[in-house]
């Protein structure tokens, strides 16, 4: 594995790869979110933010969590490496689950609060 973004074959490679993927996804999402909210001052920028959040979750699942569980379950290396990787994997999985729940909850709240306030109703702010 020459690049940390390539598919890892061992648990130590996965630890480096997962840290790189997590950091790059976090930085890219933060910059994209800030840029889209700066560019579109209205609520229209939120479509892009939620879309980017879903994309980050998909990338993290495919590139970090799914591969990590496979490598961790197949690993027969040093116990300390298993413990470290297991803790990092649990942290990544918990962050993933909280992110997905946050995206779902945030989308529902945003849609409810930004609904039209016409004669048909549509938002909580009527």
N, C-alpha and C. Protein backbone atom coordinates (compact mmCIF):
# COMPACT_ATOMS: atom_id res chain seq x y z
N UNK A 1 0.84 -1.17 0.00
CA UNK A 1 0.00 0.00 0.00
C UNK A 1 0.89 1.24 0.00
N UNK A 2 0.93 1.92 -1.13
CA UNK A 2 1.76 3.11 -1.25
C UNK A 2 1.05 4.36 -0.74
N UNK A 3 -0.23 4.44 -0.95
CA UNK A 3 -1.01 5.60 -0.54
C UNK A 3 -1.95 5.20 0.59
N UNK A 4 -2.11 6.04 1.60
CA UNK A 4 -3.03 5.68 2.68
C UNK A 4 -4.50 5.65 2.24
N UNK A 5 -4.78 6.15 1.05
CA UNK A 5 -6.16 6.13 0.55
C UNK A 5 -6.47 4.88 -0.27
N UNK A 6 -5.47 4.04 -0.51
CA UNK A 6 -5.71 2.77 -1.18
C UNK A 6 -6.34 1.79 -0.20
N UNK A 7 -6.85 0.70 -0.75
CA UNK A 7 -7.50 -0.30 0.10
C UNK A 7 -6.45 -1.00 0.97
N UNK A 8 -6.61 -0.94 2.29
CA UNK A 8 -5.63 -1.57 3.19
C UNK A 8 -5.78 -3.08 3.21
N UNK A 9 -4.65 -3.74 3.49
CA UNK A 9 -4.65 -5.20 3.54
C UNK A 9 -4.37 -5.73 4.94
N UNK A 10 -3.85 -4.87 5.81
CA UNK A 10 -3.57 -5.28 7.18
C UNK A 10 -4.20 -4.27 8.14
N UNK A 11 -4.29 -4.64 9.39
CA UNK A 11 -4.87 -3.77 10.40
C UNK A 11 -4.06 -2.49 10.62
N UNK A 12 -2.74 -2.54 10.69
CA UNK A 12 -1.99 -1.28 10.82
C UNK A 12 -2.19 -0.36 9.62
N UNK A 13 -2.25 -0.91 8.42
CA UNK A 13 -2.53 -0.10 7.24
C UNK A 13 -3.93 0.52 7.33
N UNK A 14 -4.89 -0.26 7.85
CA UNK A 14 -6.25 0.26 7.98
C UNK A 14 -6.29 1.41 8.98
N UNK A 15 -5.54 1.32 10.08
CA UNK A 15 -5.53 2.40 11.05
C UNK A 15 -5.07 3.71 10.41
N UNK A 16 -3.99 3.65 9.64
CA UNK A 16 -3.51 4.84 8.94
C UNK A 16 -4.52 5.30 7.90
N UNK A 17 -5.04 4.37 7.13
CA UNK A 17 -6.01 4.70 6.08
C UNK A 17 -7.28 5.31 6.67
N UNK A 18 -7.78 4.74 7.75
CA UNK A 18 -9.03 5.25 8.34
C UNK A 18 -8.83 6.65 8.92
N UNK A 19 -7.68 6.89 9.51
CA UNK A 19 -7.40 8.24 10.03
C UNK A 19 -7.33 9.25 8.89
N UNK A 20 -6.71 8.87 7.79
CA UNK A 20 -6.62 9.77 6.63
C UNK A 20 -8.00 10.03 6.03
N UNK A 21 -8.80 8.97 5.88
CA UNK A 21 -10.15 9.14 5.33
C UNK A 21 -11.01 9.99 6.25
N UNK A 22 -10.95 9.74 7.55
CA UNK A 22 -11.77 10.51 8.49
C UNK A 22 -11.37 11.99 8.47
N UNK A 23 -10.09 12.27 8.49
CA UNK A 23 -9.62 13.66 8.49
C UNK A 23 -9.97 14.36 7.19
N UNK A 24 -9.75 13.69 6.07
CA UNK A 24 -10.03 14.33 4.78
C UNK A 24 -11.52 14.54 4.57
N UNK A 25 -12.36 13.59 4.99
CA UNK A 25 -13.81 13.77 4.88
C UNK A 25 -14.28 14.90 5.77
N UNK A 26 -13.75 15.00 6.98
CA UNK A 26 -14.16 16.07 7.89
C UNK A 26 -13.76 17.43 7.34
N UNK A 27 -12.53 17.56 6.84
CA UNK A 27 -12.06 18.85 6.30
C UNK A 27 -12.86 19.21 5.05
N UNK A 28 -13.04 18.25 4.14
CA UNK A 28 -13.78 18.54 2.91
C UNK A 28 -15.22 18.93 3.22
N UNK A 29 -15.87 18.22 4.12
CA UNK A 29 -17.25 18.54 4.47
C UNK A 29 -17.34 19.91 5.13
N UNK A 30 -16.42 20.21 6.01
CA UNK A 30 -16.44 21.52 6.68
C UNK A 30 -16.27 22.66 5.69
N UNK A 31 -15.29 22.53 4.79
CA UNK A 31 -15.07 23.56 3.79
C UNK A 31 -16.26 23.69 2.84
N UNK A 32 -16.80 22.56 2.41
CA UNK A 32 -17.94 22.58 1.50
C UNK A 32 -19.17 23.19 2.17
N UNK A 33 -19.42 22.82 3.41
CA UNK A 33 -20.57 23.36 4.14
C UNK A 33 -20.44 24.87 4.32
N UNK A 34 -19.28 25.29 4.76
CA UNK A 34 -19.06 26.71 4.95
C UNK A 34 -19.22 27.46 3.62
N UNK A 35 -18.64 26.92 2.55
CA UNK A 35 -18.72 27.56 1.25
C UNK A 35 -20.14 27.63 0.71
N UNK A 36 -20.90 26.56 0.86
CA UNK A 36 -22.26 26.56 0.33
C UNK A 36 -23.16 27.47 1.14
N UNK A 37 -22.96 27.57 2.44
CA UNK A 37 -23.77 28.46 3.26
C UNK A 37 -23.37 29.93 3.03
N UNK A 38 -22.12 30.16 2.68
CA UNK A 38 -21.68 31.51 2.36
C UNK A 38 -22.20 31.94 0.99
N UNK A 39 -22.19 31.01 0.04
CA UNK A 39 -22.61 31.33 -1.33
C UNK A 39 -24.12 31.55 -1.41
N UNK A 40 -24.89 30.63 -0.80
CA UNK A 40 -26.35 30.75 -0.80
C UNK A 40 -26.78 31.19 0.59
N UNK A 41 -27.18 32.42 0.70
CA UNK A 41 -27.58 32.97 2.00
C UNK A 41 -28.95 32.44 2.45
N UNK A 42 -29.73 31.92 1.51
CA UNK A 42 -31.05 31.39 1.88
C UNK A 42 -30.92 29.94 2.33
N UNK A 43 -32.07 29.30 2.53
CA UNK A 43 -32.08 27.90 2.95
C UNK A 43 -31.68 26.94 1.83
N UNK A 44 -31.52 27.45 0.60
CA UNK A 44 -31.19 26.57 -0.51
C UNK A 44 -29.85 25.87 -0.33
N UNK A 45 -28.94 26.49 0.38
CA UNK A 45 -27.64 25.88 0.62
C UNK A 45 -27.71 24.63 1.47
N UNK A 46 -28.78 24.49 2.23
CA UNK A 46 -28.91 23.31 3.10
C UNK A 46 -29.09 22.03 2.30
N UNK A 47 -29.68 22.12 1.12
CA UNK A 47 -29.78 20.93 0.27
C UNK A 47 -28.40 20.36 0.00
N UNK A 48 -27.47 21.24 -0.32
CA UNK A 48 -26.10 20.80 -0.60
C UNK A 48 -25.41 20.27 0.65
N UNK A 49 -25.65 20.91 1.77
CA UNK A 49 -25.01 20.47 3.02
C UNK A 49 -25.49 19.08 3.41
N UNK A 50 -26.80 18.84 3.35
CA UNK A 50 -27.31 17.51 3.68
C UNK A 50 -26.86 16.47 2.66
N UNK A 51 -26.80 16.87 1.40
CA UNK A 51 -26.30 15.95 0.37
C UNK A 51 -24.85 15.58 0.59
N UNK A 52 -24.04 16.57 0.96
CA UNK A 52 -22.63 16.31 1.25
C UNK A 52 -22.47 15.43 2.48
N UNK A 53 -23.33 15.63 3.47
CA UNK A 53 -23.27 14.80 4.68
C UNK A 53 -23.58 13.34 4.36
N UNK A 54 -24.56 13.13 3.50
CA UNK A 54 -24.89 11.76 3.08
C UNK A 54 -23.72 11.15 2.32
N UNK A 55 -23.10 11.94 1.44
CA UNK A 55 -21.94 11.44 0.68
C UNK A 55 -20.79 11.06 1.61
N UNK A 56 -20.53 11.88 2.61
CA UNK A 56 -19.47 11.58 3.58
C UNK A 56 -19.79 10.29 4.34
N UNK A 57 -21.04 10.11 4.73
CA UNK A 57 -21.42 8.88 5.43
C UNK A 57 -21.21 7.65 4.55
N UNK A 58 -21.57 7.76 3.28
CA UNK A 58 -21.38 6.64 2.36
C UNK A 58 -19.90 6.33 2.19
N UNK A 59 -19.08 7.35 2.00
CA UNK A 59 -17.64 7.15 1.87
C UNK A 59 -17.05 6.52 3.12
N UNK A 60 -17.44 7.02 4.28
CA UNK A 60 -16.90 6.47 5.52
C UNK A 60 -17.33 5.02 5.72
N UNK A 61 -18.55 4.69 5.34
CA UNK A 61 -18.99 3.30 5.48
C UNK A 61 -18.19 2.39 4.56
N UNK A 62 -18.09 2.77 3.29
CA UNK A 62 -17.45 1.90 2.31
C UNK A 62 -15.94 1.82 2.50
N UNK A 63 -15.29 2.93 2.82
CA UNK A 63 -13.83 2.98 2.86
C UNK A 63 -13.23 2.73 4.24
N UNK A 64 -14.00 2.94 5.29
CA UNK A 64 -13.42 2.82 6.63
C UNK A 64 -14.10 1.73 7.44
N UNK A 65 -15.38 1.84 7.67
CA UNK A 65 -16.04 0.97 8.64
C UNK A 65 -16.19 -0.46 8.13
N UNK A 66 -16.68 -0.62 6.93
CA UNK A 66 -16.88 -1.96 6.38
C UNK A 66 -15.56 -2.71 6.26
N UNK A 67 -14.54 -2.04 5.76
CA UNK A 67 -13.22 -2.66 5.63
C UNK A 67 -12.62 -2.94 7.00
N UNK A 68 -12.82 -2.00 7.93
CA UNK A 68 -12.26 -2.17 9.27
C UNK A 68 -12.83 -3.37 10.01
N UNK A 69 -14.15 -3.57 9.93
CA UNK A 69 -14.74 -4.74 10.60
C UNK A 69 -14.24 -6.04 9.99
N UNK A 70 -14.06 -6.04 8.66
CA UNK A 70 -13.55 -7.26 8.01
C UNK A 70 -12.13 -7.55 8.46
N UNK A 71 -11.26 -6.55 8.43
CA UNK A 71 -9.86 -6.75 8.83
C UNK A 71 -9.74 -7.06 10.32
N UNK A 72 -10.55 -6.41 11.13
CA UNK A 72 -10.47 -6.65 12.57
C UNK A 72 -10.90 -8.06 12.92
N UNK A 73 -11.94 -8.57 12.26
CA UNK A 73 -12.40 -9.93 12.57
C UNK A 73 -11.43 -10.99 12.04
N UNK A 74 -10.69 -10.68 10.98
CA UNK A 74 -9.74 -11.63 10.41
C UNK A 74 -8.35 -11.53 11.05
N UNK A 75 -8.12 -10.54 11.87
CA UNK A 75 -6.79 -10.27 12.40
C UNK A 75 -6.38 -11.28 13.46
N UNK A 76 -5.19 -11.79 13.32
CA UNK A 76 -4.61 -12.72 14.31
C UNK A 76 -3.27 -12.18 14.79
N UNK A 77 -3.11 -10.86 14.74
CA UNK A 77 -1.84 -10.24 15.10
C UNK A 77 -1.79 -9.97 16.59
N UNK A 78 -0.97 -9.03 16.96
CA UNK A 78 -0.72 -8.67 18.34
C UNK A 78 -2.01 -8.19 19.01
N UNK A 79 -2.21 -8.59 20.24
CA UNK A 79 -3.42 -8.25 20.98
C UNK A 79 -3.57 -6.73 21.14
N UNK A 80 -2.48 -6.04 21.39
CA UNK A 80 -2.56 -4.59 21.57
C UNK A 80 -3.04 -3.90 20.29
N UNK A 81 -2.65 -4.41 19.13
CA UNK A 81 -3.12 -3.86 17.86
C UNK A 81 -4.61 -4.11 17.70
N UNK A 82 -5.07 -5.28 18.11
CA UNK A 82 -6.50 -5.59 18.06
C UNK A 82 -7.31 -4.66 18.96
N UNK A 83 -6.79 -4.39 20.14
CA UNK A 83 -7.51 -3.51 21.08
C UNK A 83 -7.56 -2.09 20.54
N UNK A 84 -6.42 -1.58 20.07
CA UNK A 84 -6.38 -0.23 19.53
C UNK A 84 -7.29 -0.08 18.31
N UNK A 85 -7.21 -1.04 17.39
CA UNK A 85 -8.06 -0.99 16.20
C UNK A 85 -9.52 -1.17 16.56
N UNK A 86 -9.81 -2.02 17.53
CA UNK A 86 -11.19 -2.22 17.95
C UNK A 86 -11.80 -0.97 18.56
N UNK A 87 -11.02 -0.27 19.39
CA UNK A 87 -11.50 0.98 19.98
C UNK A 87 -11.72 2.05 18.91
N UNK A 88 -10.79 2.17 17.99
CA UNK A 88 -10.93 3.14 16.89
C UNK A 88 -12.13 2.78 16.01
N UNK A 89 -12.32 1.50 15.76
CA UNK A 89 -13.44 1.06 14.95
C UNK A 89 -14.78 1.32 15.65
N UNK A 90 -14.84 1.08 16.95
CA UNK A 90 -16.06 1.39 17.70
C UNK A 90 -16.35 2.89 17.69
N UNK A 91 -15.31 3.70 17.81
CA UNK A 91 -15.48 5.15 17.76
C UNK A 91 -16.00 5.57 16.38
N UNK A 92 -15.42 5.01 15.33
CA UNK A 92 -15.85 5.33 13.96
C UNK A 92 -17.30 4.88 13.73
N UNK A 93 -17.64 3.71 14.20
CA UNK A 93 -19.00 3.20 14.02
C UNK A 93 -20.01 4.05 14.80
N UNK A 94 -19.66 4.42 16.02
CA UNK A 94 -20.57 5.27 16.82
C UNK A 94 -20.73 6.64 16.15
N UNK A 95 -19.65 7.22 15.65
CA UNK A 95 -19.74 8.50 14.95
C UNK A 95 -20.59 8.38 13.70
N UNK A 96 -20.48 7.25 13.00
CA UNK A 96 -21.28 7.03 11.80
C UNK A 96 -22.77 6.96 12.15
N UNK A 97 -23.10 6.18 13.17
CA UNK A 97 -24.51 6.03 13.56
C UNK A 97 -25.08 7.38 14.02
N UNK A 98 -24.32 8.10 14.83
CA UNK A 98 -24.78 9.41 15.28
C UNK A 98 -24.93 10.40 14.12
N UNK A 99 -24.03 10.30 13.15
CA UNK A 99 -24.13 11.18 11.97
C UNK A 99 -25.36 10.88 11.15
N UNK A 100 -25.64 9.61 10.93
CA UNK A 100 -26.83 9.24 10.16
C UNK A 100 -28.10 9.69 10.89
N UNK A 101 -28.14 9.46 12.19
CA UNK A 101 -29.30 9.92 12.97
C UNK A 101 -29.40 11.44 12.96
N UNK A 102 -28.28 12.11 13.05
CA UNK A 102 -28.28 13.57 13.01
C UNK A 102 -28.73 14.12 11.66
N UNK A 103 -28.31 13.46 10.59
CA UNK A 103 -28.75 13.88 9.26
C UNK A 103 -30.26 13.71 9.12
N UNK A 104 -30.76 12.57 9.56
CA UNK A 104 -32.20 12.32 9.45
C UNK A 104 -32.99 13.31 10.30
N UNK A 105 -32.58 13.50 11.54
CA UNK A 105 -33.27 14.42 12.43
C UNK A 105 -33.14 15.86 11.94
N UNK A 106 -31.95 16.24 11.53
CA UNK A 106 -31.72 17.59 11.02
C UNK A 106 -32.52 17.89 9.78
N UNK A 107 -32.62 16.91 8.90
CA UNK A 107 -33.41 17.10 7.68
C UNK A 107 -34.88 17.29 8.02
N UNK A 108 -35.40 16.48 8.92
CA UNK A 108 -36.81 16.61 9.31
C UNK A 108 -37.08 17.97 9.96
N UNK A 109 -36.22 18.39 10.86
CA UNK A 109 -36.41 19.68 11.53
C UNK A 109 -36.29 20.82 10.54
N UNK A 110 -35.28 20.76 9.67
CA UNK A 110 -35.09 21.81 8.68
C UNK A 110 -36.29 21.90 7.74
N UNK A 111 -36.78 20.76 7.30
CA UNK A 111 -37.94 20.76 6.40
C UNK A 111 -39.18 21.30 7.12
N UNK A 112 -39.35 20.95 8.37
CA UNK A 112 -40.52 21.42 9.12
C UNK A 112 -40.45 22.93 9.37
N UNK A 113 -39.27 23.42 9.70
CA UNK A 113 -39.14 24.84 10.02
C UNK A 113 -39.10 25.74 8.80
N UNK A 114 -38.68 25.20 7.66
CA UNK A 114 -38.58 26.03 6.47
C UNK A 114 -39.76 25.82 5.53
N UNK A 115 -40.81 25.14 6.00
CA UNK A 115 -41.98 24.90 5.17
C UNK A 115 -42.68 26.20 4.82
N UNK A 116 -43.48 26.16 3.78
CA UNK A 116 -44.19 27.37 3.37
C UNK A 116 -45.27 27.71 4.39
N UNK A 117 -45.49 28.99 4.57
CA UNK A 117 -46.50 29.41 5.53
C UNK A 117 -47.73 29.95 4.80
N UNK A 118 -48.04 29.35 3.67
CA UNK A 118 -49.22 29.77 2.88
C UNK A 118 -50.49 29.27 3.51
N UNK A 119 -51.57 29.32 2.74
CA UNK A 119 -52.88 28.91 3.27
C UNK A 119 -52.97 27.42 3.54
N UNK A 120 -52.08 26.64 2.92
CA UNK A 120 -52.08 25.18 3.13
C UNK A 120 -51.32 24.79 4.38
N UNK A 121 -50.70 25.73 5.01
CA UNK A 121 -49.85 25.39 6.16
C UNK A 121 -48.54 24.83 5.64
N UNK A 122 -47.91 23.99 6.37
CA UNK A 122 -46.73 23.31 5.86
C UNK A 122 -45.55 23.40 6.79
N UNK A 123 -45.51 24.32 7.69
CA UNK A 123 -44.37 24.40 8.56
C UNK A 123 -44.81 24.56 10.01
N UNK A 124 -43.89 24.39 10.92
CA UNK A 124 -44.21 24.55 12.32
C UNK A 124 -44.28 26.03 12.69
N UNK A 125 -43.75 26.85 11.80
CA UNK A 125 -43.71 28.28 12.10
C UNK A 125 -44.95 29.01 11.61
N UNK A 126 -46.05 28.32 11.39
CA UNK A 126 -47.29 28.96 10.94
C UNK A 126 -47.97 29.69 12.08
